[in-house]
Amino acid sequence: MRMRRRFVLLGCAAVLILSGIIWGLRRPKPLYRVTFLPSMGGVETRPHGINDSGRIAVTVRMPDGVERVVLWDKSGRMEELASFPVGSSVATMVLNNAGQVACTVFNDPNRTWNSFFWDVDRRRYTLDAPSAAEVRIRAMNNHGQVVGHWASRGPAHAFLWDQAAGMQDLGMFSGGESVACDLNDRGQIVGYFAMGSLDWRAFVYDPNLRVRELGFKKSGSDAQCLINDRGFVVGQFNSVQPGPGVCTWTVPTGSQPLPWKGGGFLQVHGLNDAGCYFVNVSREGIRVGRLEFRRRSESHLWQSGRHVRQITVHLCCGDDLRHRNVTAVSGWGINNKGTILGAMTVKGSGRWHAVLLEPMEQARSWSGLENLRMDPIRRSQP
């Protein structure tokens, strides 16, 4: 009897050891070092953009409800461009390699939208449209050209803005409605248009070739569409029927739906010139009454039409214990050096925290961010 009990115990121990070895061998290799950006005493930090020199644009929500627009760089310096009063929120903010910044702010009490542009000398410009229309920006290239749409109690108009020419109505779809989502340094613009119905379709505008319809229907009310300097397009389209989906487009290949069968709600963010971007997925959990179990959020890195990896399972947070309670991860931007700007939520708070995800071989070059110093704040001129 004793011998049998001993063999049973030895067998259980062997199974546990073997399970541990198998788990260790199958455990995803850490590929990214995670650095939580300092919160400056705020209750939430949201990522917006990262450029090729490593400068980062975020917004910080303070305990009193004030929202601050802040730039950081890898040397540890901080620059506050503006702060907006309680009830305001930055809907969109973009940053280019020249250090220029543009953003759209929603003021909830007044139900108004306002858009601003900061040049490298930090002079601030307000983007104005005809008939006091509300202006919403979506993207900016490295030449300081901004695209988005404006509307004044009527159809939306895609626009192109720069300091020299001001607001230009693209006017590509007479009698219809249009939204510009992104542009590259060659002046190519992508977005959506509709002609008298809700049948939104994607387009690419080339200054030399004019407008080309991509043949996709818009997916969702705020679907994203991105283009890089090589003319590669990716967006939240569906090539046949309206609904969730992601497709790519180039001149040689035409439209190509991503081979995605994972389900869930999809968002696309952060296209760089190498064709890398994120598909962020939110999966519904199992509901029991008012409770929901196993709700998941994942961030998948793609390059062109190829799935590279799910970055969520390849994170290394060092000694920071917050990563043990991470409930959601979202890739937001990736620069041409492969450094990722993202956001995480931590169990118990439900608020977003801006984070850097650095390829492990580059981690040391960003060590200064762990001890950011607060230099005197440089404010924009009126």
Protein backbone atom coordinates (compact mmCIF):
# COMPACT_ATOMS: atom_id res chain seq x y z
CA MET A 1 0.00 0.00 0.00
CA ARG A 2 2.79 2.38 0.91
CA MET A 3 4.65 1.56 -2.26
CA ARG A 4 1.52 2.22 -4.33
CA ARG A 5 0.99 5.56 -2.59
CA ARG A 6 4.64 6.47 -3.21
CA PHE A 7 4.33 5.62 -6.90
CA VAL A 8 1.15 7.70 -7.15
CA LEU A 9 2.89 10.70 -5.55
CA LEU A 10 5.93 10.30 -7.79
CA GLY A 11 3.65 10.04 -10.81
CA CYS A 12 1.79 13.23 -9.88
CA ALA A 13 5.09 15.06 -9.33
CA ALA A 14 6.36 13.88 -12.73
CA VAL A 15 3.18 15.10 -14.42
CA LEU A 16 3.51 18.50 -12.76
CA ILE A 17 7.16 18.83 -13.74
CA LEU A 18 6.42 17.78 -17.33
CA SER A 19 3.51 20.24 -17.51
CA GLY A 20 5.78 23.03 -16.29
CA ILE A 21 8.41 22.18 -18.89
CA ILE A 22 5.83 22.11 -21.69
CA TRP A 23 4.32 25.42 -20.52
CA GLY A 24 7.75 27.00 -20.41
CA LEU A 25 8.57 25.81 -23.91
CA ARG A 26 5.24 26.99 -25.34
CA ARG A 27 5.15 30.30 -23.48
CA PRO A 28 5.38 33.20 -25.98
CA LYS A 29 8.78 34.87 -25.99
CA PRO A 30 8.81 38.45 -24.64
CA LEU A 31 9.53 40.72 -27.61
CA TYR A 32 8.55 44.16 -26.28
CA ARG A 33 9.56 46.01 -23.18
CA VAL A 34 6.64 47.98 -21.70
CA THR A 35 7.14 51.43 -20.18
CA PHE A 36 4.15 53.16 -18.57
CA LEU A 37 4.35 56.88 -19.33
CA PRO A 38 4.19 59.13 -16.25
CA SER A 39 0.71 60.39 -15.48
CA MET A 40 1.70 63.85 -14.15
CA GLY A 41 -0.85 63.38 -11.38
CA GLY A 42 -3.63 62.69 -13.86
CA VAL A 43 -6.20 59.93 -13.67
CA GLU A 44 -5.88 58.84 -17.31
CA THR A 45 -3.35 59.20 -20.13
CA ARG A 46 -4.32 58.54 -23.74
CA PRO A 47 -1.88 58.01 -26.63
CA HIS A 48 -2.25 59.92 -29.88
CA GLY A 49 0.96 59.82 -31.91
CA ILE A 50 4.66 58.97 -32.11
CA ASN A 51 7.09 60.25 -34.75
CA ASP A 52 10.36 58.83 -36.08
CA SER A 53 12.50 60.82 -33.63
CA GLY A 54 10.61 59.26 -30.73
CA ARG A 55 8.50 62.25 -29.78
CA ILE A 56 5.17 61.29 -28.26
CA ALA A 57 1.82 63.11 -28.15
CA VAL A 58 -0.61 62.24 -25.35
CA THR A 59 -3.50 63.78 -23.46
CA VAL A 60 -3.71 63.72 -19.67
CA ARG A 61 -7.03 63.88 -17.85
CA MET A 62 -6.57 65.59 -14.47
CA PRO A 63 -8.64 64.80 -11.35
CA ASP A 64 -10.53 68.10 -11.73
CA GLY A 65 -11.55 67.19 -15.31
CA VAL A 66 -9.09 69.49 -17.11
CA GLU A 67 -7.48 67.86 -20.16
CA ARG A 68 -3.83 68.66 -20.95
CA VAL A 69 -2.13 68.24 -24.33
CA VAL A 70 1.44 67.10 -23.73
CA LEU A 71 4.50 66.17 -25.80
CA TRP A 72 7.32 63.99 -24.47
CA ASP A 73 10.61 63.00 -25.99
CA LYS A 74 13.05 60.21 -25.16
CA SER A 75 15.42 62.58 -23.37
CA GLY A 76 12.74 63.01 -20.72
CA ARG A 77 11.58 66.54 -21.53
CA MET A 78 7.93 67.51 -21.36
CA GLU A 79 6.11 70.26 -23.24
CA GLU A 80 2.52 71.24 -22.61
CA LEU A 81 0.87 72.74 -25.66
CA ALA A 82 -2.51 73.55 -24.15
CA SER A 83 -5.04 72.67 -21.48
CA PHE A 84 -8.78 72.54 -22.05
CA PRO A 85 -11.47 73.14 -19.41
CA VAL A 86 -13.81 70.67 -17.76
CA GLY A 87 -16.23 69.18 -20.26
CA SER A 88 -13.72 69.26 -23.13
CA SER A 89 -12.00 66.25 -24.66
CA VAL A 90 -9.38 65.86 -27.38
CA ALA A 91 -10.98 63.65 -30.01
CA THR A 92 -8.01 63.55 -32.41
CA MET A 93 -4.38 64.65 -32.18
CA VAL A 94 -1.66 64.08 -34.78
CA LEU A 95 2.10 64.68 -34.73
CA ASN A 96 4.55 64.69 -37.65
CA ASN A 97 8.32 64.32 -37.98
CA ALA A 98 8.79 68.10 -38.10
CA GLY A 99 7.25 68.39 -34.63
CA GLN A 100 4.06 70.09 -35.84
CA VAL A 101 0.85 69.15 -34.01
CA ALA A 102 -2.84 69.37 -34.90
CA CYS A 103 -5.86 68.40 -32.82
CA THR A 104 -9.65 68.51 -32.63
CA VAL A 105 -11.36 69.29 -29.33
CA PHE A 106 -14.97 68.54 -28.47
CA ASN A 107 -16.61 70.86 -25.97
CA ASP A 108 -19.47 68.95 -24.39
CA PRO A 109 -21.38 71.81 -22.70
CA ASN A 110 -21.57 73.76 -25.98
CA ARG A 111 -21.69 70.69 -28.26
CA THR A 112 -19.04 72.26 -30.52
CA TRP A 113 -15.91 71.03 -32.29
CA ASN A 114 -12.76 73.16 -32.66
CA SER A 115 -9.52 72.31 -34.43
CA PHE A 116 -6.04 73.77 -33.94
CA PHE A 117 -2.59 73.58 -35.50
CA TRP A 118 0.73 74.25 -33.77
CA ASP A 119 3.76 75.05 -35.89
CA VAL A 120 7.32 74.20 -34.84
CA ASP A 121 7.64 77.64 -33.20
CA ARG A 122 4.49 76.73 -31.24
CA ARG A 123 2.34 79.48 -32.70
CA ARG A 124 -1.24 78.22 -32.66
CA TYR A 125 -3.62 78.53 -35.61
CA THR A 126 -7.35 77.85 -35.63
CA LEU A 127 -8.73 75.94 -38.61
CA ASP A 128 -11.77 77.85 -39.86
CA ALA A 129 -14.29 76.76 -42.47
CA PRO A 130 -17.06 78.56 -44.41
CA SER A 131 -20.29 79.50 -42.58
CA ALA A 132 -18.67 78.92 -39.18
CA ALA A 133 -18.73 75.19 -39.84
CA GLU A 134 -17.33 72.71 -37.36
CA VAL A 135 -13.93 71.36 -38.42
CA ARG A 136 -12.68 67.90 -37.49
CA ILE A 137 -9.17 66.81 -38.43
CA ARG A 138 -8.12 63.23 -39.09
CA ALA A 139 -4.46 63.25 -40.19
CA MET A 140 -1.38 65.33 -41.06
CA ASN A 141 1.65 64.61 -43.23
CA ASN A 142 5.27 65.67 -42.76
CA HIS A 143 4.72 68.84 -44.84
CA GLY A 144 2.19 70.19 -42.36
CA GLN A 145 -0.82 69.50 -44.58
CA VAL A 146 -3.94 68.52 -42.63
CA VAL A 147 -7.03 66.60 -43.81
CA GLY A 148 -10.43 65.93 -42.29
CA HIS A 149 -13.95 67.20 -42.87
CA TRP A 150 -16.12 70.19 -42.04
CA ALA A 151 -19.88 70.45 -41.80
CA SER A 152 -22.44 73.15 -41.07
CA ARG A 153 -25.90 71.63 -40.58
CA GLY A 154 -25.54 69.76 -43.81
CA PRO A 155 -23.35 67.29 -45.72
CA ALA A 156 -19.75 66.78 -44.62
CA HIS A 157 -17.02 68.17 -46.89
CA ALA A 158 -13.55 66.61 -47.10
CA PHE A 159 -10.85 69.28 -46.83
CA LEU A 160 -7.14 69.88 -47.19
CA TRP A 161 -5.54 72.62 -45.07
CA ASP A 162 -2.09 74.17 -44.86
CA GLN A 163 -0.69 77.48 -43.67
CA ALA A 164 -0.16 78.87 -47.15
CA ALA A 165 -3.48 78.02 -48.83
CA GLY A 166 -5.74 77.74 -45.79
CA MET A 167 -8.93 75.66 -45.96
CA GLN A 168 -9.53 73.96 -49.31
CA ASP A 169 -12.80 72.12 -49.95
CA LEU A 170 -11.72 69.10 -51.98
CA GLY A 171 -15.05 69.20 -53.80
CA MET A 172 -14.51 65.80 -55.35
CA PHE A 173 -18.10 64.61 -55.08
CA SER A 174 -20.49 67.35 -56.16
CA GLY A 175 -23.79 67.05 -54.37
CA GLY A 176 -22.54 64.28 -52.14
CA GLU A 177 -20.83 63.92 -48.78
CA SER A 178 -17.17 63.16 -48.14
CA VAL A 179 -14.69 62.59 -45.32
CA ALA A 180 -10.87 62.61 -45.67
CA CYS A 181 -9.17 60.17 -43.28
CA ASP A 182 -5.43 60.23 -44.09
CA LEU A 183 -2.80 61.54 -46.49
CA ASN A 184 0.84 60.83 -47.26
CA ASP A 185 3.83 63.01 -48.15
CA ARG A 186 3.04 62.59 -51.87
CA GLY A 187 -0.29 64.34 -51.37
CA GLN A 188 -2.40 61.22 -51.87
CA ILE A 189 -5.57 61.29 -49.75
CA VAL A 190 -7.89 58.47 -48.68
CA GLY A 191 -11.37 58.66 -47.21
CA TYR A 192 -15.04 57.93 -47.80
CA PHE A 193 -17.85 59.45 -49.85
CA ALA A 194 -21.61 58.99 -50.20
CA MET A 195 -23.92 60.20 -52.96
CA GLY A 196 -27.34 60.93 -51.49
CA SER A 197 -27.54 57.75 -49.41
CA LEU A 198 -25.86 55.88 -46.62
CA ASP A 199 -23.93 53.80 -49.14
CA TRP A 200 -20.49 55.06 -48.16
CA ARG A 201 -17.58 54.02 -50.32
CA ALA A 202 -13.82 54.41 -49.95
CA PHE A 203 -11.71 56.54 -52.30
CA VAL A 204 -8.10 57.50 -52.95
CA TYR A 205 -7.29 60.93 -54.36
CA ASP A 206 -4.05 61.50 -56.24
CA PRO A 207 -3.09 65.08 -57.24
CA ASN A 208 -1.96 63.74 -60.62
CA LEU A 209 -4.56 61.03 -61.26
CA ARG A 210 -7.52 62.62 -59.46
CA VAL A 211 -10.04 60.35 -57.69
CA ARG A 212 -10.19 56.59 -57.79
CA GLU A 213 -12.98 54.63 -56.14
CA LEU A 214 -11.68 51.63 -54.22
CA GLY A 215 -14.94 49.73 -54.42
CA PHE A 216 -15.44 49.22 -50.70
CA LYS A 217 -18.36 50.05 -48.50
CA LYS A 218 -17.75 51.84 -45.25
CA SER A 219 -17.79 49.73 -42.08
CA GLY A 220 -19.04 51.61 -39.04
CA SER A 221 -19.79 55.28 -38.50
CA ASP A 222 -16.18 56.20 -37.71
CA ALA A 223 -14.32 53.67 -39.84
CA GLN A 224 -10.61 54.36 -40.33
CA CYS A 225 -8.71 54.45 -43.61
CA LEU A 226 -4.91 54.85 -43.82
CA ILE A 227 -2.29 55.34 -46.56
CA ASN A 228 1.51 55.34 -46.36
CA ASP A 229 4.16 56.91 -48.60
CA ARG A 230 4.30 53.78 -50.77
CA GLY A 231 0.63 54.11 -51.64
CA PHE A 232 -0.43 51.11 -49.54
CA VAL A 233 -3.98 51.53 -48.19
CA VAL A 234 -5.60 49.69 -45.28
CA GLY A 235 -8.97 50.39 -43.70
CA GLN A 236 -12.11 49.18 -42.03
CA PHE A 237 -13.94 48.19 -45.18
CA ASN A 238 -15.87 45.25 -46.41
CA SER A 239 -15.57 44.60 -50.11
CA VAL A 240 -19.03 43.07 -50.59
CA GLN A 241 -21.52 43.98 -47.87
CA PRO A 242 -21.55 46.66 -45.16
CA GLY A 243 -20.26 45.36 -41.86
CA PRO A 244 -17.04 44.67 -39.95
CA GLY A 245 -13.97 43.85 -41.92
CA VAL A 246 -10.49 45.06 -42.90
CA CYS A 247 -9.16 45.31 -46.44
CA THR A 248 -5.96 46.49 -48.11
CA TRP A 249 -5.46 48.12 -51.50
CA THR A 250 -2.57 48.92 -53.84
CA VAL A 251 -2.48 49.82 -57.53
CA PRO A 252 -1.03 46.44 -58.62
CA THR A 253 -3.17 44.20 -56.41
CA GLY A 254 -6.42 46.09 -56.06
CA SER A 255 -8.58 45.24 -53.06
CA GLN A 256 -7.56 42.37 -50.81
CA PRO A 257 -9.63 41.42 -47.73
CA LEU A 258 -7.53 40.40 -44.75
CA PRO A 259 -7.78 36.68 -43.99
CA TRP A 260 -9.31 37.41 -40.61
CA LYS A 261 -11.66 34.85 -39.08
CA GLY A 262 -11.27 35.70 -35.42
CA GLY A 263 -14.56 37.59 -35.01
CA GLY A 264 -15.02 40.53 -32.68
CA PHE A 265 -15.17 44.29 -33.25
CA LEU A 266 -12.19 45.54 -35.28
CA GLN A 267 -10.30 48.84 -35.34
CA VAL A 268 -7.27 49.76 -37.47
CA HIS A 269 -4.49 52.06 -36.27
CA GLY A 270 -0.92 53.14 -36.90
CA LEU A 271 0.25 52.45 -40.47
CA ASN A 272 3.96 53.08 -41.11
CA ASP A 273 5.98 53.12 -44.35
CA ALA A 274 6.96 49.45 -43.98
CA GLY A 275 3.28 48.53 -44.17
CA CYS A 276 2.97 47.67 -40.45
CA TYR A 277 -0.29 48.45 -38.66
CA PHE A 278 -2.54 47.20 -35.86
CA VAL A 279 -5.88 45.46 -35.92
CA ASN A 280 -7.31 45.88 -32.42
CA VAL A 281 -10.01 43.37 -31.54
CA SER A 282 -12.64 43.54 -28.82
CA ARG A 283 -14.32 40.19 -28.15
CA GLU A 284 -17.59 39.93 -26.31
CA GLY A 285 -17.65 37.78 -23.20
CA ILE A 286 -20.28 35.46 -21.77
CA ARG A 287 -23.14 37.30 -20.08
CA VAL A 288 -24.87 35.93 -17.01
CA GLY A 289 -27.46 38.46 -15.93
CA ARG A 290 -25.62 41.77 -15.53
CA LEU A 291 -22.23 40.10 -15.28
CA GLU A 292 -19.88 39.47 -18.21
CA PHE A 293 -17.06 36.93 -18.16
CA ARG A 294 -14.04 36.38 -20.41
CA ARG A 295 -14.33 39.68 -22.30
CA ARG A 296 -11.03 40.13 -24.13
CA SER A 297 -9.16 42.85 -25.94
CA GLU A 298 -6.30 41.95 -28.29
CA SER A 299 -3.90 43.89 -30.50
CA HIS A 300 -2.58 42.18 -33.63
CA LEU A 301 0.38 43.45 -35.65
CA TRP A 302 0.09 43.03 -39.41
CA GLN A 303 2.44 43.84 -42.27
CA SER A 304 0.70 44.38 -45.61
CA GLY A 305 -1.59 41.35 -45.83
CA ARG A 306 0.40 39.12 -43.46
CA HIS A 307 -0.36 38.55 -39.80
CA VAL A 308 2.86 39.03 -37.81
CA ARG A 309 1.87 38.43 -34.19
CA GLN A 310 -0.53 39.22 -31.40
CA ILE A 311 1.53 41.70 -29.39
CA THR A 312 -0.60 41.22 -26.28
CA VAL A 313 1.17 37.96 -25.39
CA HIS A 314 4.72 39.17 -26.12
CA LEU A 315 5.08 41.86 -23.47
CA CYS A 316 7.79 42.20 -20.82
CA CYS A 317 7.13 44.78 -18.10
CA GLY A 318 10.22 44.28 -15.97
CA ASP A 319 9.60 45.10 -12.32
CA ASP A 320 6.41 47.08 -12.95
CA LEU A 321 3.68 45.06 -11.21
CA ARG A 322 0.85 46.80 -13.06
CA HIS A 323 1.23 44.49 -16.03
CA ARG A 324 -0.02 41.59 -13.90
CA ASN A 325 -3.44 43.25 -13.78
CA VAL A 326 -3.66 44.42 -17.41
CA THR A 327 -7.14 43.82 -18.80
CA ALA A 328 -6.79 45.32 -22.30
CA VAL A 329 -4.01 46.28 -24.73
CA SER A 330 -4.38 48.50 -27.78
CA GLY A 331 -1.72 49.35 -30.38
CA TRP A 332 -2.14 52.97 -31.44
CA GLY A 333 0.87 53.96 -33.49
CA ILE A 334 4.14 52.54 -34.81
CA ASN A 335 6.97 54.67 -36.19
CA ASN A 336 9.39 53.71 -38.93
CA LYS A 337 11.88 52.43 -36.34
CA GLY A 338 9.42 49.87 -35.00
CA THR A 339 8.68 51.57 -31.66
CA ILE A 340 5.03 51.22 -30.67
CA LEU A 341 2.80 53.65 -28.83
CA GLY A 342 -0.12 51.93 -27.16
CA ALA A 343 -2.57 51.96 -24.30
CA MET A 344 -3.42 49.55 -21.50
CA THR A 345 -6.19 49.32 -18.97
CA VAL A 346 -5.47 47.98 -15.51
CA LYS A 347 -7.87 45.91 -13.47
CA GLY A 348 -9.81 47.96 -10.97
CA SER A 349 -9.39 51.34 -12.67
CA GLY A 350 -11.00 50.91 -16.09
CA ARG A 351 -8.93 53.87 -17.33
CA TRP A 352 -6.39 53.97 -20.13
CA HIS A 353 -2.65 54.33 -19.51
CA ALA A 354 -0.36 55.37 -22.38
CA VAL A 355 2.58 52.97 -22.80
CA LEU A 356 5.62 52.47 -25.00
CA LEU A 357 6.28 49.04 -26.44
CA GLU A 358 9.90 48.89 -27.51
CA PRO A 359 11.50 46.00 -29.38
CA MET A 360 13.74 44.35 -26.78
CA GLU A 361 16.98 45.21 -28.57
CA GLN A 362 16.04 48.92 -28.38
CA ALA A 363 14.88 48.98 -24.78
CA ARG A 364 17.99 50.60 -23.32
CA SER A 365 17.78 53.63 -25.60
CA TRP A 366 14.49 54.62 -23.95
CA SER A 367 15.52 54.12 -20.32
CA GLY A 368 15.32 57.87 -19.72
CA LEU A 369 11.52 57.67 -19.91
CA GLU A 370 11.40 55.73 -16.68
CA ASN A 371 12.53 58.82 -14.79
CA LEU A 372 11.06 61.69 -16.76
CA ARG A 373 12.07 65.06 -15.46
CA MET A 374 9.58 67.88 -15.54
CA ASP A 375 11.27 70.76 -17.30
CA PRO A 376 9.65 74.20 -17.20
CA ILE A 377 6.52 73.99 -19.35
CA ARG A 378 6.75 75.74 -22.66
CA ARG A 379 3.32 77.00 -23.69
CA SER A 380 2.09 77.85 -27.14
CA GLN A 381 1.60 81.45 -28.14
CA PRO A 382 -1.96 82.69 -28.71
